[in-house]
């Protein structure tokens, strides 16, 4: 609930209110070693500070989040915050003294690639799905179906979409439930019959 409220405050231009709300949660999550929550809270806090033109605080917070995320190779947590956070990451990498030098360059490159990939649309996803498909399946589920129809296995899909293998399997279960099928070929066949994928 706190993250949702902070996102709303940021969207309404109340960066100070978002920062005041997020700061105690960020400190608490870090002290409890709740890395996923600390990263999610920290990247929003970095965005808030950047919106208040406190670039130094924003970069420091982003660097702390990168240090927390590097061992687990968290990518989506950063990419999903959009171009503002990726721009802040670029500033951090180019800053004097290169504070990001302590972070593995391969990890930083994966985040940048993930950000570039999130703006690209897959060829099959570019096609307009009919109204039933849009209501029934999420855009991510449509992407997974499209990639599977091209012959990609779960691991390949996970790499291309910057997801964990288990997350792709979770999406498959949702797809099966929504389409009332039990196997991948049946799901792909149903999607093709409805014109949702090529």
C-alpha atoms as a PDB file:
ATOM      1  CA  UNK A   1       0.000   0.000   0.000  1.00  0.00           C
ATOM      2  CA  UNK A   2       2.847   2.370   0.800  1.00  0.00           C
ATOM      3  CA  UNK A   3       4.483   1.818  -2.578  1.00  0.00           C
ATOM      4  CA  UNK A   4       1.194   2.389  -4.388  1.00  0.00           C
ATOM      5  CA  UNK A   5       0.579   5.622  -2.470  1.00  0.00           C
ATOM      6  CA  UNK A   6       4.126   6.798  -3.178  1.00  0.00           C
ATOM      7  CA  UNK A   7       3.670   6.061  -6.891  1.00  0.00           C
ATOM      8  CA  UNK A   8       0.474   8.081  -6.859  1.00  0.00           C
ATOM      9  CA  UNK A   9       2.211  10.975  -5.115  1.00  0.00           C
ATOM     10  CA  UNK A  10       5.018  10.894  -7.676  1.00  0.00           C
ATOM     11  CA  UNK A  11       2.512  10.863 -10.524  1.00  0.00           C
ATOM     12  CA  UNK A  12       0.756  13.880  -8.998  1.00  0.00           C
ATOM     13  CA  UNK A  13       4.055  15.763  -8.664  1.00  0.00           C
ATOM     14  CA  UNK A  14       4.354  15.429  -4.873  1.00  0.00           C
ATOM     15  CA  UNK A  15       7.911  14.093  -4.799  1.00  0.00           C
ATOM     16  CA  UNK A  16       8.535  15.457  -1.298  1.00  0.00           C
ATOM     17  CA  UNK A  17       5.493  13.635   0.090  1.00  0.00           C
ATOM     18  CA  UNK A  18       6.597  10.424  -1.638  1.00  0.00           C
ATOM     19  CA  UNK A  19      10.124  10.750  -0.215  1.00  0.00           C
ATOM     20  CA  UNK A  20       8.793  11.354   3.316  1.00  0.00           C
ATOM     21  CA  UNK A  21       6.592   8.290   3.005  1.00  0.00           C
ATOM     22  CA  UNK A  22       9.246   6.019   1.466  1.00  0.00           C
ATOM     23  CA  UNK A  23      12.317   6.891   3.555  1.00  0.00           C
ATOM     24  CA  UNK A  24      11.273   5.060   6.787  1.00  0.00           C
ATOM     25  CA  UNK A  25      10.142   2.013   4.813  1.00  0.00           C
ATOM     26  CA  UNK A  26      13.436   1.920   2.925  1.00  0.00           C
ATOM     27  CA  UNK A  27      15.472   2.124   6.142  1.00  0.00           C
ATOM     28  CA  UNK A  28      13.308  -0.563   7.772  1.00  0.00           C
ATOM     29  CA  UNK A  29      13.538  -2.954   4.804  1.00  0.00           C
ATOM     30  CA  UNK A  30      17.325  -2.570   4.662  1.00  0.00           C
ATOM     31  CA  UNK A  31      17.717  -3.114   8.407  1.00  0.00           C
ATOM     32  CA  UNK A  32      15.642  -6.302   8.170  1.00  0.00           C
ATOM     33  CA  UNK A  33      17.595  -7.520   5.112  1.00  0.00           C
ATOM     34  CA  UNK A  34      14.422  -7.611   3.019  1.00  0.00           C
ATOM     35  CA  UNK A  35      16.327  -6.958  -0.185  1.00  0.00           C
ATOM     36  CA  UNK A  36      13.436  -7.186  -2.633  1.00  0.00           C
ATOM     37  CA  UNK A  37      11.342  -4.698  -0.628  1.00  0.00           C
ATOM     38  CA  UNK A  38      14.355  -2.459  -0.020  1.00  0.00           C
ATOM     39  CA  UNK A  39      15.092  -2.325  -3.754  1.00  0.00           C
ATOM     40  CA  UNK A  40      11.449  -1.664  -4.686  1.00  0.00           C
ATOM     41  CA  UNK A  41      11.231   1.099  -2.078  1.00  0.00           C
ATOM     42  CA  UNK A  42      14.703   2.441  -2.811  1.00  0.00           C
ATOM     43  CA  UNK A  43      14.231   2.871  -6.552  1.00  0.00           C
ATOM     44  CA  UNK A  44      11.027   4.822  -5.913  1.00  0.00           C
ATOM     45  CA  UNK A  45      12.866   6.906  -3.320  1.00  0.00           C
ATOM     46  CA  UNK A  46      15.634   7.579  -5.846  1.00  0.00           C
ATOM     47  CA  UNK A  47      13.008   8.726  -8.356  1.00  0.00           C
ATOM     48  CA  UNK A  48      11.480  11.015  -5.727  1.00  0.00           C
ATOM     49  CA  UNK A  49      14.824  12.598  -4.896  1.00  0.00           C
ATOM     50  CA  UNK A  50      15.606  13.013  -8.578  1.00  0.00           C
ATOM     51  CA  UNK A  51      12.228  14.732  -9.046  1.00  0.00           C
ATOM     52  CA  UNK A  52      13.186  17.117  -6.218  1.00  0.00           C
ATOM     53  CA  UNK A  53      16.459  17.840  -8.092  1.00  0.00           C
ATOM     54  CA  UNK A  54      18.574  16.196  -5.364  1.00  0.00           C
ATOM     55  CA  UNK A  55      20.655  14.191  -7.838  1.00  0.00           C
ATOM     56  CA  UNK A  56      23.299  13.278  -5.268  1.00  0.00           C
ATOM     57  CA  UNK A  57      20.777  11.678  -2.887  1.00  0.00           C
ATOM     58  CA  UNK A  58      19.064   9.959  -5.816  1.00  0.00           C
ATOM     59  CA  UNK A  59      22.353   8.518  -7.087  1.00  0.00           C
ATOM     60  CA  UNK A  60      23.403   7.422  -3.593  1.00  0.00           C
ATOM     61  CA  UNK A  61      20.084   5.615  -3.059  1.00  0.00           C
ATOM     62  CA  UNK A  62      20.244   4.016  -6.507  1.00  0.00           C
ATOM     63  CA  UNK A  63      23.805   2.837  -5.826  1.00  0.00           C
ATOM     64  CA  UNK A  64      22.671   1.241  -2.542  1.00  0.00           C
ATOM     65  CA  UNK A  65      19.849  -0.533  -4.394  1.00  0.00           C
ATOM     66  CA  UNK A  66      22.265  -1.775  -7.061  1.00  0.00           C
ATOM     67  CA  UNK A  67      24.546  -3.142  -4.343  1.00  0.00           C
ATOM     68  CA  UNK A  68      21.568  -4.964  -2.805  1.00  0.00           C
ATOM     69  CA  UNK A  69      20.369  -6.276  -6.162  1.00  0.00           C
ATOM     70  CA  UNK A  70      23.685  -7.374  -7.654  1.00  0.00           C
ATOM     71  CA  UNK A  71      24.081 -10.701  -5.782  1.00  0.00           C
ATOM     72  CA  UNK A  72      20.575 -11.792  -6.842  1.00  0.00           C
ATOM     73  CA  UNK A  73      20.940 -10.181 -10.288  1.00  0.00           C
ATOM     74  CA  UNK A  74      17.738  -8.153  -9.845  1.00  0.00           C
ATOM     75  CA  UNK A  75      16.994  -6.516 -13.196  1.00  0.00           C
ATOM     76  CA  UNK A  76      13.226  -6.055 -13.470  1.00  0.00           C
ATOM     77  CA  UNK A  77      13.084  -4.091 -10.205  1.00  0.00           C
ATOM     78  CA  UNK A  78      15.095  -1.357 -11.912  1.00  0.00           C
ATOM     79  CA  UNK A  79      13.795  -1.642 -15.468  1.00  0.00           C
ATOM     80  CA  UNK A  80      10.140  -1.535 -14.450  1.00  0.00           C
ATOM     81  CA  UNK A  81      10.601   1.942 -12.982  1.00  0.00           C
ATOM     82  CA  UNK A  82      10.922   3.291 -16.493  1.00  0.00           C
ATOM     83  CA  UNK A  83      13.149   5.663 -18.398  1.00  0.00           C
ATOM     84  CA  UNK A  84      13.609   8.149 -15.518  1.00  0.00           C
ATOM     85  CA  UNK A  85      15.398   5.550 -13.441  1.00  0.00           C
ATOM     86  CA  UNK A  86      17.448   4.322 -16.404  1.00  0.00           C
ATOM     87  CA  UNK A  87      18.512   7.935 -17.055  1.00  0.00           C
ATOM     88  CA  UNK A  88      19.550   8.194 -13.412  1.00  0.00           C
ATOM     89  CA  UNK A  89      21.546   4.985 -13.823  1.00  0.00           C
ATOM     90  CA  UNK A  90      23.297   6.473 -16.862  1.00  0.00           C
ATOM     91  CA  UNK A  91      24.169   9.578 -14.793  1.00  0.00           C
ATOM     92  CA  UNK A  92      25.501   7.379 -12.011  1.00  0.00           C
ATOM     93  CA  UNK A  93      27.715   5.456 -14.430  1.00  0.00           C
ATOM     94  CA  UNK A  94      29.096   8.703 -15.905  1.00  0.00           C
ATOM     95  CA  UNK A  95      29.526  10.564 -12.585  1.00  0.00           C
ATOM     96  CA  UNK A  96      32.931  11.833 -11.445  1.00  0.00           C
ATOM     97  CA  UNK A  97      34.732   9.178  -9.464  1.00  0.00           C
ATOM     98  CA  UNK A  98      32.419   6.597 -11.077  1.00  0.00           C
ATOM     99  CA  UNK A  99      30.593   5.424  -7.936  1.00  0.00           C
ATOM    100  CA  UNK A 100      29.043   2.647 -10.008  1.00  0.00           C
ATOM    101  CA  UNK A 101      32.515   1.177 -10.635  1.00  0.00           C
ATOM    102  CA  UNK A 102      31.983  -1.013  -7.558  1.00  0.00           C
ATOM    103  CA  UNK A 103      29.079  -2.709  -9.357  1.00  0.00           C
ATOM    104  CA  UNK A 104      29.742  -5.470 -11.884  1.00  0.00           C
ATOM    105  CA  UNK A 105      29.589  -3.978 -15.389  1.00  0.00           C
ATOM    106  CA  UNK A 106      27.804  -7.070 -16.703  1.00  0.00           C
ATOM    107  CA  UNK A 107      25.016  -6.530 -14.177  1.00  0.00           C
ATOM    108  CA  UNK A 108      24.663  -2.852 -15.131  1.00  0.00           C
ATOM    109  CA  UNK A 109      24.643  -3.791 -18.817  1.00  0.00           C
ATOM    110  CA  UNK A 110      21.866  -6.340 -18.157  1.00  0.00           C
ATOM    111  CA  UNK A 111      19.745  -3.607 -16.576  1.00  0.00           C
ATOM    112  CA  UNK A 112      20.350  -1.283 -19.531  1.00  0.00           C
ATOM    113  CA  UNK A 113      19.539  -4.086 -22.008  1.00  0.00           C
ATOM    114  CA  UNK A 114      16.410  -4.865 -20.015  1.00  0.00           C
ATOM    115  CA  UNK A 115      15.337  -1.251 -20.289  1.00  0.00           C
ATOM    116  CA  UNK A 116      15.906  -1.230 -24.016  1.00  0.00           C
ATOM    117  CA  UNK A 117      13.985  -4.492 -24.350  1.00  0.00           C
ATOM    118  CA  UNK A 118      11.018  -3.155 -22.401  1.00  0.00           C
ATOM    119  CA  UNK A 119      10.508  -0.392 -24.944  1.00  0.00           C
ATOM    120  CA  UNK A 120      10.695  -2.755 -27.912  1.00  0.00           C
ATOM    121  CA  UNK A 121       7.614  -4.687 -28.833  1.00  0.00           C
ATOM    122  CA  UNK A 122       7.770  -8.187 -30.154  1.00  0.00           C
ATOM    123  CA  UNK A 123       6.603  -8.613 -33.736  1.00  0.00           C
ATOM    124  CA  UNK A 124       3.635 -10.791 -32.764  1.00  0.00           C
ATOM    125  CA  UNK A 125       2.718  -8.392 -29.965  1.00  0.00           C
ATOM    126  CA  UNK A 126       2.590  -5.526 -32.468  1.00  0.00           C
ATOM    127  CA  UNK A 127      -0.450  -7.061 -34.068  1.00  0.00           C
ATOM    128  CA  UNK A 128      -3.664  -5.824 -32.656  1.00  0.00           C
ATOM    129  CA  UNK A 129      -5.403  -8.581 -30.702  1.00  0.00           C
ATOM    130  CA  UNK A 130      -9.162  -8.657 -30.765  1.00  0.00           C
ATOM    131  CA  UNK A 131     -11.144  -7.352 -27.789  1.00  0.00           C
ATOM    132  CA  UNK A 132     -11.611 -10.785 -26.241  1.00  0.00           C
ATOM    133  CA  UNK A 133      -7.869 -11.480 -26.308  1.00  0.00           C
ATOM    134  CA  UNK A 134      -7.054  -8.106 -24.750  1.00  0.00           C
ATOM    135  CA  UNK A 135      -9.476  -8.710 -21.896  1.00  0.00           C
ATOM    136  CA  UNK A 136      -8.581 -12.358 -21.426  1.00  0.00           C
ATOM    137  CA  UNK A 137      -4.780 -12.296 -21.585  1.00  0.00           C
ATOM    138  CA  UNK A 138      -2.365  -9.679 -20.307  1.00  0.00           C
ATOM    139  CA  UNK A 139       0.229  -8.190 -22.693  1.00  0.00           C
ATOM    140  CA  UNK A 140       2.953 -10.248 -20.961  1.00  0.00           C
ATOM    141  CA  UNK A 141       0.947 -13.456 -21.427  1.00  0.00           C
ATOM    142  CA  UNK A 142       0.522 -12.580 -25.105  1.00  0.00           C
ATOM    143  CA  UNK A 143       4.297 -12.070 -25.391  1.00  0.00           C
ATOM    144  CA  UNK A 144       4.952 -15.465 -23.813  1.00  0.00           C
ATOM    145  CA  UNK A 145       2.500 -17.141 -26.174  1.00  0.00           C
ATOM    146  CA  UNK A 146       4.074 -15.384 -29.180  1.00  0.00           C
ATOM    147  CA  UNK A 147       7.593 -16.444 -28.175  1.00  0.00           C
ATOM    148  CA  UNK A 148       6.469 -20.026 -27.532  1.00  0.00           C
ATOM    149  CA  UNK A 149       4.790 -20.099 -30.941  1.00  0.00           C
ATOM    150  CA  UNK A 150       8.197 -19.223 -32.431  1.00  0.00           C
ATOM    151  CA  UNK A 151       9.611 -22.373 -30.816  1.00  0.00           C
ATOM    152  CA  UNK A 152      11.201 -20.840 -27.712  1.00  0.00           C
ATOM    153  CA  UNK A 153      11.367 -22.897 -24.526  1.00  0.00           C
ATOM    154  CA  UNK A 154      10.709 -21.461 -21.040  1.00  0.00           C
ATOM    155  CA  UNK A 155      14.384 -20.701 -20.430  1.00  0.00           C
ATOM    156  CA  UNK A 156      14.680 -18.818 -23.743  1.00  0.00           C
ATOM    157  CA  UNK A 157      11.497 -16.875 -23.039  1.00  0.00           C
ATOM    158  CA  UNK A 158      12.776 -15.985 -19.566  1.00  0.00           C
ATOM    159  CA  UNK A 159      16.053 -14.664 -20.993  1.00  0.00           C
ATOM    160  CA  UNK A 160      14.364 -12.596 -23.699  1.00  0.00           C
ATOM    161  CA  UNK A 161      11.862 -11.036 -21.284  1.00  0.00           C
ATOM    162  CA  UNK A 162      14.333 -10.718 -18.377  1.00  0.00           C
ATOM    163  CA  UNK A 163      12.252 -12.954 -16.113  1.00  0.00           C
ATOM    164  CA  UNK A 164      13.045 -15.904 -13.896  1.00  0.00           C
ATOM    165  CA  UNK A 165      12.223 -19.357 -15.275  1.00  0.00           C
ATOM    166  CA  UNK A 166       9.757 -19.839 -12.418  1.00  0.00           C
ATOM    167  CA  UNK A 167       7.961 -16.626 -13.388  1.00  0.00           C
ATOM    168  CA  UNK A 168       7.494 -17.877 -16.949  1.00  0.00           C
ATOM    169  CA  UNK A 169       6.055 -21.137 -15.565  1.00  0.00           C
ATOM    170  CA  UNK A 170       3.713 -19.108 -13.379  1.00  0.00           C
ATOM    171  CA  UNK A 171       2.526 -17.178 -16.459  1.00  0.00           C
ATOM    172  CA  UNK A 172       1.951 -20.460 -18.289  1.00  0.00           C
ATOM    173  CA  UNK A 173      -0.310 -21.664 -15.483  1.00  0.00           C
ATOM    174  CA  UNK A 174      -2.331 -18.443 -15.752  1.00  0.00           C
ATOM    175  CA  UNK A 175      -2.553 -18.852 -19.530  1.00  0.00           C
ATOM    176  CA  UNK A 176      -3.722 -22.462 -19.152  1.00  0.00           C
ATOM    177  CA  UNK A 177      -6.371 -21.435 -16.640  1.00  0.00           C
ATOM    178  CA  UNK A 178      -7.634 -18.522 -18.740  1.00  0.00           C
ATOM    179  CA  UNK A 179      -7.793 -20.522 -21.969  1.00  0.00           C
ATOM    180  CA  UNK A 180      -9.058 -23.656 -20.249  1.00  0.00           C
ATOM    181  CA  UNK A 181      -6.279 -25.841 -21.649  1.00  0.00           C
ATOM    182  CA  UNK A 182      -3.614 -28.000 -20.004  1.00  0.00           C
ATOM    183  CA  UNK A 183      -0.736 -27.994 -22.507  1.00  0.00           C
ATOM    184  CA  UNK A 184       1.379 -25.410 -24.312  1.00  0.00           C
ATOM    185  CA  UNK A 185       0.526 -26.653 -27.828  1.00  0.00           C
ATOM    186  CA  UNK A 186      -3.186 -26.336 -27.013  1.00  0.00           C
ATOM    187  CA  UNK A 187      -2.709 -22.786 -25.730  1.00  0.00           C
ATOM    188  CA  UNK A 188      -0.743 -21.804 -28.834  1.00  0.00           C
ATOM    189  CA  UNK A 189      -3.361 -23.410 -31.078  1.00  0.00           C
ATOM    190  CA  UNK A 190      -6.189 -21.539 -29.333  1.00  0.00           C
ATOM    191  CA  UNK A 191      -4.290 -18.225 -29.597  1.00  0.00           C
ATOM    192  CA  UNK A 192      -3.651 -18.792 -33.309  1.00  0.00           C
ATOM    193  CA  UNK A 193      -7.290 -19.711 -33.948  1.00  0.00           C
ATOM    194  CA  UNK A 194      -8.368 -16.442 -32.335  1.00  0.00           C
ATOM    195  CA  UNK A 195      -5.776 -14.439 -34.305  1.00  0.00           C
ATOM    196  CA  UNK A 196      -3.941 -13.265 -31.189  1.00  0.00           C
ATOM    197  CA  UNK A 197      -0.573 -14.524 -32.488  1.00  0.00           C
ATOM    198  CA  UNK A 198       0.860 -15.414 -35.894  1.00  0.00           C
END
